[in-house]
Amino acid sequence: MLSVMMIHQMASYLCICQFIQCLLIGKKKNKTVI
C-alpha cells in the first residue's frame, strides 16, 4: 500500500515537472520567434 502511494506521488510529481518544462520551453520558443 505504501509503495503504491509513493509510486503515485512520484508519477504525479514527474507529470508536473514535465508540464512546467513544456511551459518554459514554449515561452523560450515564443521569445525566439518574436
PDB file of N, CA and C in Angstrom:
ATOM      1  N   MET A   1       0.846  -1.203   0.000  1.00  0.00           N
ATOM      2  CA  MET A   1       0.000   0.000   0.000  1.00  0.00           C
ATOM      3  C   MET A   1       0.879   1.248   0.000  1.00  0.00           C
ATOM      4  N   LEU A   2       1.872   1.270   0.881  1.00  0.00           N
ATOM      5  CA  LEU A   2       2.749   2.441   0.971  1.00  0.00           C
ATOM      6  C   LEU A   2       3.511   2.642  -0.325  1.00  0.00           C
ATOM      7  N   SER A   3       4.068   1.544  -0.861  1.00  0.00           N
ATOM      8  CA  SER A   3       4.862   1.656  -2.098  1.00  0.00           C
ATOM      9  C   SER A   3       3.995   2.181  -3.241  1.00  0.00           C
ATOM     10  N   VAL A   4       2.748   1.726  -3.318  1.00  0.00           N
ATOM     11  CA  VAL A   4       1.848   2.175  -4.387  1.00  0.00           C
ATOM     12  C   VAL A   4       1.625   3.680  -4.267  1.00  0.00           C
ATOM     13  N   MET A   5       1.414   4.156  -3.037  1.00  0.00           N
ATOM     14  CA  MET A   5       1.196   5.594  -2.820  1.00  0.00           C
ATOM     15  C   MET A   5       2.428   6.376  -3.245  1.00  0.00           C
ATOM     16  N   MET A   6       3.609   5.880  -2.884  1.00  0.00           N
ATOM     17  CA  MET A   6       4.858   6.566  -3.241  1.00  0.00           C
ATOM     18  C   MET A   6       5.005   6.633  -4.758  1.00  0.00           C
ATOM     19  N   ILE A   7       4.735   5.525  -5.439  1.00  0.00           N
ATOM     20  CA  ILE A   7       4.841   5.493  -6.909  1.00  0.00           C
ATOM     21  C   ILE A   7       3.862   6.499  -7.507  1.00  0.00           C
ATOM     22  N   HIS A   8       2.648   6.564  -6.952  1.00  0.00           N
ATOM     23  CA  HIS A   8       1.635   7.501  -7.462  1.00  0.00           C
ATOM     24  C   HIS A   8       2.131   8.935  -7.279  1.00  0.00           C
ATOM     25  N   GLN A   9       2.710   9.246  -6.109  1.00  0.00           N
ATOM     26  CA  GLN A   9       3.226  10.596  -5.857  1.00  0.00           C
ATOM     27  C   GLN A   9       4.348  10.923  -6.833  1.00  0.00           C
ATOM     28  N   MET A  10       5.253   9.968  -7.056  1.00  0.00           N
ATOM     29  CA  MET A  10       6.369  10.193  -7.980  1.00  0.00           C
ATOM     30  C   MET A  10       5.840  10.468  -9.382  1.00  0.00           C
ATOM     31  N   ALA A  11       4.854   9.694  -9.821  1.00  0.00           N
ATOM     32  CA  ALA A  11       4.290   9.868 -11.165  1.00  0.00           C
ATOM     33  C   ALA A  11       3.676  11.260 -11.304  1.00  0.00           C
ATOM     34  N   SER A  12       2.894  11.677 -10.313  1.00  0.00           N
ATOM     35  CA  SER A  12       2.254  12.999 -10.379  1.00  0.00           C
ATOM     36  C   SER A  12       3.321  14.088 -10.351  1.00  0.00           C
ATOM     37  N   TYR A  13       4.376  13.891  -9.540  1.00  0.00           N
ATOM     38  CA  TYR A  13       5.462  14.874  -9.457  1.00  0.00           C
ATOM     39  C   TYR A  13       6.160  15.008 -10.809  1.00  0.00           C
ATOM     40  N   LEU A  14       6.437  13.878 -11.454  1.00  0.00           N
ATOM     41  CA  LEU A  14       7.100  13.904 -12.764  1.00  0.00           C
ATOM     42  C   LEU A  14       6.201  14.586 -13.787  1.00  0.00           C
ATOM     43  N   CYS A  15       4.894  14.311 -13.718  1.00  0.00           N
ATOM     44  CA  CYS A  15       3.947  14.931 -14.668  1.00  0.00           C
ATOM     45  C   CYS A  15       3.990  16.445 -14.515  1.00  0.00           C
ATOM     46  N   ILE A  16       3.988  16.925 -13.263  1.00  0.00           N
ATOM     47  CA  ILE A  16       4.021  18.373 -13.010  1.00  0.00           C
ATOM     48  C   ILE A  16       5.332  18.951 -13.540  1.00  0.00           C
ATOM     49  N   CYS A  17       6.447  18.250 -13.295  1.00  0.00           N
ATOM     50  CA  CYS A  17       7.759  18.735 -13.765  1.00  0.00           C
ATOM     51  C   CYS A  17       7.748  18.849 -15.290  1.00  0.00           C
ATOM     52  N   GLN A  18       7.240  17.830 -15.973  1.00  0.00           N
ATOM     53  CA  GLN A  18       7.186  17.855 -17.444  1.00  0.00           C
ATOM     54  C   GLN A  18       6.311  19.010 -17.915  1.00  0.00           C
ATOM     55  N   PHE A  19       5.187  19.240 -17.222  1.00  0.00           N
ATOM     56  CA  PHE A  19       4.265  20.319 -17.597  1.00  0.00           C
ATOM     57  C   PHE A  19       4.974  21.665 -17.482  1.00  0.00           C
ATOM     58  N   ILE A  20       5.712  21.871 -16.371  1.00  0.00           N
ATOM     59  CA  ILE A  20       6.441  23.135 -16.169  1.00  0.00           C
ATOM     60  C   ILE A  20       7.509  23.286 -17.244  1.00  0.00           C
ATOM     61  N   GLN A  21       8.239  22.200 -17.541  1.00  0.00           N
ATOM     62  CA  GLN A  21       9.289  22.266 -18.569  1.00  0.00           C
ATOM     63  C   GLN A  21       8.681  22.644 -19.908  1.00  0.00           C
ATOM     64  N   CYS A  22       7.517  22.058 -20.228  1.00  0.00           N
ATOM     65  CA  CYS A  22       6.848  22.375 -21.505  1.00  0.00           C
ATOM     66  C   CYS A  22       6.513  23.857 -21.552  1.00  0.00           C
ATOM     67  N   LEU A  23       6.009  24.413 -20.453  1.00  0.00           N
ATOM     68  CA  LEU A  23       5.653  25.837 -20.414  1.00  0.00           C
ATOM     69  C   LEU A  23       6.900  26.687 -20.619  1.00  0.00           C
ATOM     70  N   LEU A  24       7.993  26.337 -19.926  1.00  0.00           N
ATOM     71  CA  LEU A  24       9.235  27.118 -20.040  1.00  0.00           C
ATOM     72  C   LEU A  24       9.769  27.051 -21.464  1.00  0.00           C
ATOM     73  N   ILE A  25       9.783  25.854 -22.046  1.00  0.00           N
ATOM     74  CA  ILE A  25      10.288  25.694 -23.421  1.00  0.00           C
ATOM     75  C   ILE A  25       9.402  26.483 -24.377  1.00  0.00           C
ATOM     76  N   GLY A  26       8.082  26.420 -24.169  1.00  0.00           N
ATOM     77  CA  GLY A  26       7.151  27.146 -25.029  1.00  0.00           C
ATOM     78  C   GLY A  26       7.413  28.644 -24.961  1.00  0.00           C
ATOM     79  N   LYS A  27       7.638  29.163 -23.756  1.00  0.00           N
ATOM     80  CA  LYS A  27       7.921  30.595 -23.604  1.00  0.00           C
ATOM     81  C   LYS A  27       9.208  30.956 -24.323  1.00  0.00           C
ATOM     82  N   LYS A  28      10.239  30.127 -24.166  1.00  0.00           N
ATOM     83  CA  LYS A  28      11.530  30.394 -24.824  1.00  0.00           C
ATOM     84  C   LYS A  28      11.345  30.405 -26.339  1.00  0.00           C
ATOM     85  N   LYS A  29      10.606  29.430 -26.861  1.00  0.00           N
ATOM     86  CA  LYS A  29      10.378  29.358 -28.313  1.00  0.00           C
ATOM     87  C   LYS A  29       9.637  30.615 -28.780  1.00  0.00           C
ATOM     88  N   ASN A  30       8.627  31.020 -28.023  1.00  0.00           N
ATOM     89  CA  ASN A  30       7.860  32.211 -28.399  1.00  0.00           C
ATOM     90  C   ASN A  30       8.773  33.433 -28.434  1.00  0.00           C
ATOM     91  N   LYS A  31       9.652  33.546 -27.454  1.00  0.00           N
ATOM     92  CA  LYS A  31      10.568  34.694 -27.401  1.00  0.00           C
ATOM     93  C   LYS A  31      11.493  34.687 -28.618  1.00  0.00           C
ATOM     94  N   THR A  32      12.011  33.512 -28.964  1.00  0.00           N
ATOM     95  CA  THR A  32      12.939  33.437 -30.098  1.00  0.00           C
ATOM     96  C   THR A  32      12.198  33.763 -31.394  1.00  0.00           C
ATOM     97  N   VAL A  33      10.950  33.308 -31.511  1.00  0.00           N
ATOM     98  CA  VAL A  33      10.167  33.575 -32.729  1.00  0.00           C
ATOM     99  C   VAL A  33       9.899  35.070 -32.842  1.00  0.00           C
ATOM    100  N   ILE A  34       9.504  35.698 -31.719  1.00  0.00           N
ATOM    101  CA  ILE A  34       9.190  37.137 -31.717  1.00  0.00           C
ATOM    102  C   ILE A  34      10.483  37.934 -31.587  1.00  0.00           C
TER     103      ILE A  34
END
